[in-house]
Amino acid sequence: QAFFQWVHRFADSVSAPPSAQPTRVAVDETAVKVNGEWLWVYAAIDTDTKLLLDVTVFEQHGTDQAAVFLGQLAEKHDLSDAEFLVDGYGYRTALFRVGLSGQLNYTERNLIEKWFHTLKQRIDRFHTSWVGSQPSVQRWLEQFAHYYNHQRPHQSLDDQTPAEEELN
């Protein structure tokens, strides 16, 4: 409950991540339970700066949702030189649909897997399922992403935040 309230205090201070021009982006999705039903969280992270580029909740998962997510990502960031590290799940088709390039890469995607692990630890620590709506889950994820990008220093970045690393 304390973490939930702490995150919600930052609701008005949430800002989008700095516009980035990543060279390598890891993309993946995971399922979360909301009101007893499964939703899908899609996320993308810059593997160099560890900047969480975007996170979005969908009611279903599949190539169509991946293409929508990647299209939204391309509107927010300069992805013209980015290489996408994906698993085999429909992402190659989705990347093609939005005019991006990617490669199947199971080993260099650890950063996105670690981020999802951290996310699920935060959820499981306080409750096993969200109670609320899809928009409330989206707002919580945006707030958590803001915390991750702007407030949480990373040892691997010499105790800088990903936003500070991106701006350097």
N, C-alpha and C. Protein backbone atom coordinates (compact mmCIF):
# COMPACT_ATOMS: atom_id res chain seq x y z
N GLN A 1 0.83 -1.19 0.00
CA GLN A 1 0.00 0.00 0.00
C GLN A 1 0.88 1.26 0.00
N ALA A 2 1.98 1.22 0.76
CA ALA A 2 2.86 2.39 0.83
C ALA A 2 3.46 2.71 -0.53
N PHE A 3 3.94 1.68 -1.24
CA PHE A 3 4.52 1.91 -2.56
C PHE A 3 3.45 2.44 -3.51
N PHE A 4 2.26 1.87 -3.46
CA PHE A 4 1.16 2.30 -4.31
C PHE A 4 0.88 3.79 -4.09
N GLN A 5 0.77 4.21 -2.81
CA GLN A 5 0.51 5.61 -2.51
C GLN A 5 1.68 6.49 -2.92
N TRP A 6 2.89 6.02 -2.71
CA TRP A 6 4.08 6.79 -3.08
C TRP A 6 4.10 7.06 -4.58
N VAL A 7 3.83 6.03 -5.37
CA VAL A 7 3.84 6.20 -6.82
C VAL A 7 2.74 7.16 -7.24
N HIS A 8 1.55 7.06 -6.63
CA HIS A 8 0.44 7.93 -7.03
C HIS A 8 0.68 9.39 -6.66
N ARG A 9 1.54 9.66 -5.68
CA ARG A 9 1.86 11.05 -5.36
C ARG A 9 2.59 11.73 -6.51
N PHE A 10 3.22 10.94 -7.36
CA PHE A 10 3.96 11.50 -8.48
C PHE A 10 3.12 11.59 -9.75
N ALA A 11 1.83 11.38 -9.64
CA ALA A 11 0.95 11.34 -10.81
C ALA A 11 1.04 12.60 -11.66
N ASP A 12 1.10 13.75 -11.01
CA ASP A 12 1.14 15.00 -11.76
C ASP A 12 2.52 15.33 -12.28
N SER A 13 3.54 14.66 -11.77
CA SER A 13 4.91 14.99 -12.18
C SER A 13 5.44 14.06 -13.26
N VAL A 14 4.63 13.13 -13.71
CA VAL A 14 5.09 12.18 -14.70
C VAL A 14 5.31 12.88 -16.03
N SER A 15 6.47 12.66 -16.58
CA SER A 15 6.77 13.21 -17.90
C SER A 15 7.21 12.07 -18.80
N ALA A 16 7.09 12.29 -20.06
CA ALA A 16 7.54 11.29 -21.01
C ALA A 16 9.05 11.18 -20.92
N PRO A 17 9.61 10.04 -21.31
CA PRO A 17 11.06 9.96 -21.31
C PRO A 17 11.61 10.95 -22.32
N PRO A 18 12.85 11.37 -22.12
CA PRO A 18 13.42 12.28 -23.11
C PRO A 18 13.37 11.64 -24.50
N SER A 19 13.20 12.44 -25.50
CA SER A 19 13.23 11.91 -26.86
C SER A 19 14.61 11.31 -27.09
N ALA A 20 14.63 10.11 -27.61
CA ALA A 20 15.89 9.38 -27.74
C ALA A 20 16.15 9.01 -29.19
N GLN A 21 17.39 8.70 -29.46
CA GLN A 21 17.80 8.18 -30.76
C GLN A 21 18.62 6.91 -30.49
N PRO A 22 17.93 5.86 -30.05
CA PRO A 22 18.65 4.65 -29.65
C PRO A 22 19.22 3.90 -30.85
N THR A 23 20.27 3.14 -30.60
CA THR A 23 20.84 2.30 -31.65
C THR A 23 20.40 0.85 -31.51
N ARG A 24 20.08 0.44 -30.28
CA ARG A 24 19.59 -0.92 -30.03
C ARG A 24 18.44 -0.85 -29.05
N VAL A 25 17.34 -1.45 -29.43
CA VAL A 25 16.13 -1.41 -28.61
C VAL A 25 15.63 -2.84 -28.39
N ALA A 26 15.48 -3.21 -27.14
CA ALA A 26 14.89 -4.51 -26.80
C ALA A 26 13.41 -4.31 -26.55
N VAL A 27 12.59 -5.19 -27.13
CA VAL A 27 11.14 -5.09 -27.05
C VAL A 27 10.59 -6.44 -26.59
N ASP A 28 9.58 -6.38 -25.73
CA ASP A 28 8.93 -7.62 -25.30
C ASP A 28 7.57 -7.28 -24.69
N GLU A 29 6.84 -8.33 -24.33
CA GLU A 29 5.55 -8.16 -23.68
C GLU A 29 5.43 -9.20 -22.57
N THR A 30 4.56 -8.90 -21.61
CA THR A 30 4.27 -9.84 -20.54
C THR A 30 2.81 -9.69 -20.13
N ALA A 31 2.28 -10.72 -19.51
CA ALA A 31 0.88 -10.70 -19.06
C ALA A 31 0.81 -10.25 -17.61
N VAL A 32 -0.22 -9.46 -17.30
CA VAL A 32 -0.52 -9.06 -15.92
C VAL A 32 -2.01 -9.28 -15.69
N LYS A 33 -2.36 -9.58 -14.46
CA LYS A 33 -3.76 -9.83 -14.13
C LYS A 33 -4.37 -8.57 -13.53
N VAL A 34 -5.50 -8.16 -14.10
CA VAL A 34 -6.23 -6.99 -13.64
C VAL A 34 -7.68 -7.41 -13.45
N ASN A 35 -8.18 -7.27 -12.21
CA ASN A 35 -9.56 -7.69 -11.90
C ASN A 35 -9.83 -9.12 -12.34
N GLY A 36 -8.83 -9.98 -12.19
CA GLY A 36 -8.98 -11.39 -12.53
C GLY A 36 -8.85 -11.71 -14.01
N GLU A 37 -8.61 -10.70 -14.85
CA GLU A 37 -8.46 -10.93 -16.28
C GLU A 37 -7.06 -10.54 -16.71
N TRP A 38 -6.57 -11.19 -17.75
CA TRP A 38 -5.21 -10.95 -18.21
C TRP A 38 -5.16 -9.81 -19.21
N LEU A 39 -4.21 -8.91 -19.00
CA LEU A 39 -3.89 -7.84 -19.95
C LEU A 39 -2.42 -8.02 -20.33
N TRP A 40 -2.01 -7.34 -21.38
CA TRP A 40 -0.64 -7.49 -21.88
C TRP A 40 0.09 -6.16 -21.83
N VAL A 41 1.26 -6.18 -21.22
CA VAL A 41 2.10 -4.99 -21.11
C VAL A 41 3.22 -5.12 -22.13
N TYR A 42 3.31 -4.15 -23.04
CA TYR A 42 4.39 -4.08 -24.01
C TYR A 42 5.37 -3.01 -23.54
N ALA A 43 6.66 -3.29 -23.68
CA ALA A 43 7.67 -2.31 -23.26
C ALA A 43 8.85 -2.36 -24.21
N ALA A 44 9.55 -1.21 -24.31
CA ALA A 44 10.77 -1.10 -25.12
C ALA A 44 11.80 -0.35 -24.30
N ILE A 45 13.05 -0.81 -24.38
CA ILE A 45 14.12 -0.20 -23.60
C ILE A 45 15.36 -0.04 -24.47
N ASP A 46 16.02 1.10 -24.33
CA ASP A 46 17.28 1.37 -25.02
C ASP A 46 18.36 0.58 -24.30
N THR A 47 19.00 -0.35 -24.97
CA THR A 47 19.96 -1.22 -24.30
C THR A 47 21.24 -0.50 -23.91
N ASP A 48 21.53 0.64 -24.51
CA ASP A 48 22.75 1.38 -24.16
C ASP A 48 22.55 2.27 -22.93
N THR A 49 21.48 3.05 -22.91
CA THR A 49 21.26 4.00 -21.81
C THR A 49 20.34 3.44 -20.73
N LYS A 50 19.70 2.30 -21.01
CA LYS A 50 18.73 1.68 -20.11
C LYS A 50 17.46 2.54 -19.94
N LEU A 51 17.26 3.46 -20.86
CA LEU A 51 16.08 4.31 -20.83
C LEU A 51 14.87 3.50 -21.27
N LEU A 52 13.85 3.46 -20.43
CA LEU A 52 12.60 2.82 -20.80
C LEU A 52 11.90 3.76 -21.77
N LEU A 53 11.80 3.35 -23.02
CA LEU A 53 11.29 4.22 -24.08
C LEU A 53 9.78 4.33 -24.09
N ASP A 54 9.09 3.25 -23.77
CA ASP A 54 7.63 3.28 -23.75
C ASP A 54 7.12 2.02 -23.08
N VAL A 55 5.92 2.13 -22.54
CA VAL A 55 5.22 0.99 -21.95
C VAL A 55 3.73 1.21 -22.17
N THR A 56 3.03 0.18 -22.68
CA THR A 56 1.62 0.30 -23.02
C THR A 56 0.89 -0.99 -22.68
N VAL A 57 -0.36 -0.84 -22.25
CA VAL A 57 -1.20 -1.99 -21.90
C VAL A 57 -2.21 -2.23 -23.01
N PHE A 58 -2.37 -3.50 -23.37
CA PHE A 58 -3.36 -3.92 -24.37
C PHE A 58 -4.22 -5.03 -23.78
N GLU A 59 -5.44 -5.16 -24.28
CA GLU A 59 -6.34 -6.22 -23.83
C GLU A 59 -5.94 -7.58 -24.42
N GLN A 60 -5.27 -7.57 -25.54
CA GLN A 60 -4.84 -8.81 -26.20
C GLN A 60 -3.38 -8.66 -26.58
N HIS A 61 -2.80 -9.76 -27.01
CA HIS A 61 -1.45 -9.67 -27.55
C HIS A 61 -1.46 -10.31 -28.93
N GLY A 62 -0.52 -9.88 -29.74
CA GLY A 62 -0.43 -10.41 -31.09
C GLY A 62 0.33 -9.44 -31.98
N THR A 63 0.42 -9.79 -33.24
CA THR A 63 1.17 -8.98 -34.20
C THR A 63 0.55 -7.60 -34.37
N ASP A 64 -0.79 -7.51 -34.36
CA ASP A 64 -1.44 -6.21 -34.52
C ASP A 64 -1.09 -5.27 -33.36
N GLN A 65 -1.17 -5.79 -32.13
CA GLN A 65 -0.85 -4.97 -30.97
C GLN A 65 0.63 -4.58 -30.98
N ALA A 66 1.50 -5.50 -31.37
CA ALA A 66 2.93 -5.19 -31.45
C ALA A 66 3.17 -4.09 -32.47
N ALA A 67 2.48 -4.13 -33.61
CA ALA A 67 2.64 -3.08 -34.63
C ALA A 67 2.15 -1.73 -34.11
N VAL A 68 1.03 -1.71 -33.39
CA VAL A 68 0.52 -0.46 -32.81
C VAL A 68 1.55 0.08 -31.83
N PHE A 69 2.06 -0.79 -30.96
CA PHE A 69 3.05 -0.35 -29.96
C PHE A 69 4.30 0.21 -30.64
N LEU A 70 4.81 -0.49 -31.64
CA LEU A 70 6.01 -0.03 -32.34
C LEU A 70 5.75 1.26 -33.11
N GLY A 71 4.56 1.41 -33.66
CA GLY A 71 4.21 2.66 -34.34
C GLY A 71 4.19 3.84 -33.39
N GLN A 72 3.61 3.63 -32.19
CA GLN A 72 3.60 4.68 -31.17
C GLN A 72 5.03 5.01 -30.74
N LEU A 73 5.85 4.00 -30.61
CA LEU A 73 7.25 4.18 -30.23
C LEU A 73 7.99 5.03 -31.27
N ALA A 74 7.72 4.75 -32.54
CA ALA A 74 8.38 5.49 -33.62
C ALA A 74 7.93 6.95 -33.67
N GLU A 75 6.72 7.24 -33.20
CA GLU A 75 6.26 8.63 -33.14
C GLU A 75 6.97 9.42 -32.04
N LYS A 76 7.41 8.74 -30.99
CA LYS A 76 8.02 9.40 -29.84
C LYS A 76 9.53 9.53 -29.94
N HIS A 77 10.17 8.64 -30.68
CA HIS A 77 11.63 8.59 -30.71
C HIS A 77 12.14 8.46 -32.15
N ASP A 78 13.37 8.90 -32.37
CA ASP A 78 14.02 8.74 -33.67
C ASP A 78 14.59 7.33 -33.74
N LEU A 79 13.94 6.48 -34.48
CA LEU A 79 14.33 5.07 -34.57
C LEU A 79 14.95 4.74 -35.93
N SER A 80 15.35 5.77 -36.66
CA SER A 80 15.83 5.56 -38.03
C SER A 80 17.07 4.66 -38.08
N ASP A 81 17.91 4.69 -37.06
CA ASP A 81 19.11 3.85 -37.05
C ASP A 81 19.04 2.74 -36.02
N ALA A 82 17.87 2.52 -35.45
CA ALA A 82 17.74 1.55 -34.37
C ALA A 82 17.61 0.12 -34.89
N GLU A 83 18.28 -0.77 -34.20
CA GLU A 83 18.15 -2.20 -34.44
C GLU A 83 17.31 -2.74 -33.29
N PHE A 84 16.28 -3.51 -33.60
CA PHE A 84 15.39 -4.05 -32.59
C PHE A 84 15.76 -5.48 -32.27
N LEU A 85 15.88 -5.75 -30.98
CA LEU A 85 16.19 -7.09 -30.48
C LEU A 85 14.88 -7.68 -29.98
N VAL A 86 14.42 -8.72 -30.65
CA VAL A 86 13.10 -9.27 -30.35
C VAL A 86 13.18 -10.78 -30.23
N ASP A 87 12.12 -11.35 -29.64
CA ASP A 87 12.00 -12.80 -29.68
C ASP A 87 11.18 -13.14 -30.92
N GLY A 88 10.91 -14.38 -31.16
CA GLY A 88 10.26 -14.77 -32.39
C GLY A 88 8.79 -14.44 -32.48
N TYR A 89 8.18 -13.99 -31.39
CA TYR A 89 6.74 -13.82 -31.35
C TYR A 89 6.24 -12.66 -32.20
N GLY A 90 5.98 -12.85 -33.44
CA GLY A 90 5.31 -11.89 -34.31
C GLY A 90 5.94 -10.53 -34.49
N TYR A 91 7.06 -10.28 -33.84
CA TYR A 91 7.64 -8.95 -33.91
C TYR A 91 8.24 -8.65 -35.28
N ARG A 92 8.77 -9.63 -35.94
CA ARG A 92 9.38 -9.34 -37.25
C ARG A 92 8.33 -8.83 -38.22
N THR A 93 7.16 -9.42 -38.20
CA THR A 93 6.06 -8.95 -39.05
C THR A 93 5.64 -7.55 -38.63
N ALA A 94 5.52 -7.32 -37.32
CA ALA A 94 5.13 -6.01 -36.81
C ALA A 94 6.16 -4.95 -37.18
N LEU A 95 7.44 -5.26 -37.06
CA LEU A 95 8.50 -4.31 -37.44
C LEU A 95 8.40 -3.97 -38.92
N PHE A 96 8.18 -4.98 -39.75
CA PHE A 96 8.04 -4.76 -41.19
C PHE A 96 6.86 -3.83 -41.49
N ARG A 97 5.75 -4.04 -40.79
CA ARG A 97 4.56 -3.22 -41.01
C ARG A 97 4.81 -1.73 -40.76
N VAL A 98 5.65 -1.42 -39.79
CA VAL A 98 5.89 -0.01 -39.46
C VAL A 98 7.21 0.51 -40.02
N GLY A 99 7.86 -0.30 -40.87
CA GLY A 99 9.06 0.16 -41.56
C GLY A 99 10.31 0.19 -40.71
N LEU A 100 10.42 -0.70 -39.73
CA LEU A 100 11.60 -0.77 -38.88
C LEU A 100 12.31 -2.09 -39.11
N SER A 101 13.58 -2.16 -38.70
CA SER A 101 14.32 -3.40 -38.87
C SER A 101 14.61 -4.03 -37.52
N GLY A 102 14.69 -5.33 -37.51
CA GLY A 102 14.97 -6.03 -36.27
C GLY A 102 15.60 -7.36 -36.53
N GLN A 103 16.05 -7.97 -35.47
CA GLN A 103 16.63 -9.30 -35.58
C GLN A 103 16.15 -10.13 -34.40
N LEU A 104 16.03 -11.42 -34.65
CA LEU A 104 15.73 -12.32 -33.55
C LEU A 104 16.98 -12.39 -32.69
N ASN A 105 16.83 -12.13 -31.43
CA ASN A 105 17.99 -12.13 -30.54
C ASN A 105 17.52 -12.51 -29.15
N TYR A 106 17.83 -13.72 -28.75
CA TYR A 106 17.39 -14.20 -27.45
C TYR A 106 18.40 -13.90 -26.35
N THR A 107 19.65 -13.63 -26.70
CA THR A 107 20.68 -13.47 -25.67
C THR A 107 20.91 -12.02 -25.28
N GLU A 108 20.76 -11.09 -26.18
CA GLU A 108 21.07 -9.69 -25.86
C GLU A 108 19.83 -8.90 -25.45
N ARG A 109 18.77 -9.61 -25.11
CA ARG A 109 17.54 -8.97 -24.68
C ARG A 109 17.39 -9.02 -23.17
N ASN A 110 18.45 -9.33 -22.46
CA ASN A 110 18.36 -9.49 -21.01
C ASN A 110 17.83 -8.26 -20.30
N LEU A 111 18.14 -7.08 -20.80
CA LEU A 111 17.73 -5.86 -20.12
C LEU A 111 16.21 -5.73 -20.04
N ILE A 112 15.51 -6.04 -21.10
CA ILE A 112 14.05 -5.95 -21.06
C ILE A 112 13.48 -7.03 -20.15
N GLU A 113 14.09 -8.20 -20.17
CA GLU A 113 13.64 -9.27 -19.29
C GLU A 113 13.85 -8.88 -17.82
N LYS A 114 14.98 -8.23 -17.51
CA LYS A 114 15.23 -7.77 -16.15
C LYS A 114 14.23 -6.71 -15.74
N TRP A 115 13.88 -5.81 -16.67
CA TRP A 115 12.90 -4.77 -16.34
C TRP A 115 11.55 -5.40 -16.01
N PHE A 116 11.11 -6.36 -16.82
CA PHE A 116 9.85 -7.04 -16.53
C PHE A 116 9.92 -7.77 -15.20
N HIS A 117 11.06 -8.35 -14.88
CA HIS A 117 11.24 -9.02 -13.60
C HIS A 117 11.07 -8.02 -12.46
N THR A 118 11.70 -6.85 -12.59
CA THR A 118 11.57 -5.79 -11.57
C THR A 118 10.12 -5.36 -11.45
N LEU A 119 9.44 -5.16 -12.57
CA LEU A 119 8.04 -4.77 -12.57
C LEU A 119 7.20 -5.80 -11.82
N LYS A 120 7.39 -7.07 -12.14
CA LYS A 120 6.59 -8.11 -11.51
C LYS A 120 6.91 -8.26 -10.03
N GLN A 121 8.16 -8.02 -9.64
CA GLN A 121 8.49 -8.02 -8.21
C GLN A 121 7.71 -6.94 -7.49
N ARG A 122 7.64 -5.74 -8.08
CA ARG A 122 6.91 -4.64 -7.45
C ARG A 122 5.42 -4.97 -7.33
N ILE A 123 4.86 -5.59 -8.34
CA ILE A 123 3.45 -5.96 -8.29
C ILE A 123 3.22 -7.04 -7.24
N ASP A 124 4.01 -8.11 -7.30
CA ASP A 124 3.81 -9.25 -6.40
C ASP A 124 4.07 -8.90 -4.95
N ARG A 125 4.92 -7.92 -4.71
CA ARG A 125 5.23 -7.53 -3.34
C ARG A 125 4.00 -6.97 -2.63
N PHE A 126 3.09 -6.38 -3.37
CA PHE A 126 1.97 -5.69 -2.75
C PHE A 126 0.62 -6.35 -3.02
N HIS A 127 0.48 -7.00 -4.14
CA HIS A 127 -0.76 -7.71 -4.43
C HIS A 127 -0.52 -8.62 -5.63
N THR A 128 -1.32 -9.66 -5.74
CA THR A 128 -1.11 -10.59 -6.84
C THR A 128 -1.87 -10.19 -8.09
N SER A 129 -2.82 -9.29 -7.94
CA SER A 129 -3.59 -8.84 -9.09
C SER A 129 -4.01 -7.39 -8.86
N TRP A 130 -3.95 -6.58 -9.92
CA TRP A 130 -4.42 -5.21 -9.82
C TRP A 130 -5.92 -5.20 -9.70
N VAL A 131 -6.43 -4.26 -8.92
CA VAL A 131 -7.86 -3.98 -8.87
C VAL A 131 -8.01 -2.59 -9.46
N GLY A 132 -8.74 -2.49 -10.51
CA GLY A 132 -8.90 -1.20 -11.18
C GLY A 132 -9.21 -1.42 -12.65
N SER A 133 -8.95 -0.40 -13.41
CA SER A 133 -9.26 -0.45 -14.83
C SER A 133 -7.97 -0.48 -15.65
N GLN A 134 -8.11 -0.77 -16.92
CA GLN A 134 -6.95 -0.73 -17.81
C GLN A 134 -6.30 0.65 -17.82
N PRO A 135 -7.07 1.75 -17.87
CA PRO A 135 -6.43 3.08 -17.80
C PRO A 135 -5.66 3.31 -16.50
N SER A 136 -6.17 2.78 -15.37
CA SER A 136 -5.44 2.97 -14.11
C SER A 136 -4.14 2.18 -14.12
N VAL A 137 -4.15 1.00 -14.72
CA VAL A 137 -2.92 0.22 -14.86
C VAL A 137 -1.93 0.97 -15.75
N GLN A 138 -2.41 1.56 -16.84
CA GLN A 138 -1.55 2.32 -17.75
C GLN A 138 -0.93 3.50 -17.01
N ARG A 139 -1.72 4.21 -16.21
CA ARG A 139 -1.18 5.35 -15.44
C ARG A 139 -0.13 4.88 -14.45
N TRP A 140 -0.38 3.76 -13.76
CA TRP A 140 0.59 3.23 -12.80
C TRP A 140 1.90 2.89 -13.52
N LEU A 141 1.79 2.23 -14.67
CA LEU A 141 2.99 1.85 -15.43
C LEU A 141 3.76 3.10 -15.88
N GLU A 142 3.05 4.13 -16.31
CA GLU A 142 3.72 5.37 -16.71
C GLU A 142 4.44 6.00 -15.53
N GLN A 143 3.83 5.94 -14.35
CA GLN A 143 4.46 6.48 -13.15
C GLN A 143 5.68 5.65 -12.76
N PHE A 144 5.56 4.34 -12.86
CA PHE A 144 6.70 3.48 -12.56
C PHE A 144 7.83 3.72 -13.56
N ALA A 145 7.48 3.90 -14.82
CA ALA A 145 8.50 4.19 -15.85
C ALA A 145 9.19 5.52 -15.55
N HIS A 146 8.41 6.51 -15.10
CA HIS A 146 9.00 7.80 -14.74
C HIS A 146 10.01 7.61 -13.59
N TYR A 147 9.61 6.88 -12.58
CA TYR A 147 10.51 6.58 -11.47
C TYR A 147 11.77 5.88 -11.97
N TYR A 148 11.59 4.87 -12.80
CA TYR A 148 12.72 4.09 -13.34
C TYR A 148 13.66 4.97 -14.16
N ASN A 149 13.11 5.85 -14.99
CA ASN A 149 13.93 6.68 -15.88
C ASN A 149 14.54 7.90 -15.20
N HIS A 150 13.81 8.52 -14.27
CA HIS A 150 14.22 9.82 -13.75
C HIS A 150 14.71 9.83 -12.30
N GLN A 151 14.38 8.81 -11.53
CA GLN A 151 14.71 8.86 -10.11
C GLN A 151 15.57 7.72 -9.62
N ARG A 152 15.56 6.61 -10.28
CA ARG A 152 16.28 5.43 -9.81
C ARG A 152 17.66 5.37 -10.45
N PRO A 153 18.73 5.64 -9.68
CA PRO A 153 20.07 5.54 -10.26
C PRO A 153 20.45 4.08 -10.52
N HIS A 154 21.27 3.88 -11.53
CA HIS A 154 21.72 2.53 -11.90
C HIS A 154 23.22 2.43 -11.69
N GLN A 155 23.65 1.39 -11.00
CA GLN A 155 25.08 1.19 -10.77
C GLN A 155 25.85 1.10 -12.09
N SER A 156 25.25 0.43 -13.07
CA SER A 156 25.94 0.25 -14.35
C SER A 156 26.07 1.55 -15.14
N LEU A 157 25.36 2.59 -14.70
CA LEU A 157 25.45 3.91 -15.33
C LEU A 157 26.19 4.90 -14.42
N ASP A 158 27.08 4.38 -13.58
CA ASP A 158 27.81 5.21 -12.61
C ASP A 158 26.86 6.01 -11.73
N ASP A 159 25.82 5.34 -11.26
CA ASP A 159 24.81 5.91 -10.37
C ASP A 159 24.05 7.08 -10.98
N GLN A 160 23.95 7.11 -12.28
CA GLN A 160 23.08 8.08 -12.96
C GLN A 160 21.76 7.39 -13.27
N THR A 161 20.75 8.19 -13.55
CA THR A 161 19.48 7.64 -14.00
C THR A 161 19.57 7.46 -15.52
N PRO A 162 18.73 6.63 -16.11
CA PRO A 162 18.72 6.51 -17.57
C PRO A 162 18.47 7.84 -18.27
N ALA A 163 17.61 8.69 -17.72
CA ALA A 163 17.36 10.00 -18.34
C ALA A 163 18.62 10.85 -18.34
N GLU A 164 19.39 10.83 -17.24
CA GLU A 164 20.64 11.57 -17.19
C GLU A 164 21.65 11.01 -18.21
N GLU A 165 21.69 9.69 -18.33
CA GLU A 165 22.60 9.06 -19.29
C GLU A 165 22.21 9.44 -20.72
N GLU A 166 20.93 9.48 -21.02
CA GLU A 166 20.45 9.84 -22.36
C GLU A 166 20.81 11.29 -22.68
N LEU A 167 20.70 12.16 -21.71
CA LEU A 167 20.96 13.58 -21.94
C LEU A 167 22.46 13.90 -22.04
N ASN A 168 23.31 12.97 -21.57
CA ASN A 168 24.78 13.21 -21.66
C ASN A 168 25.33 12.97 -23.03
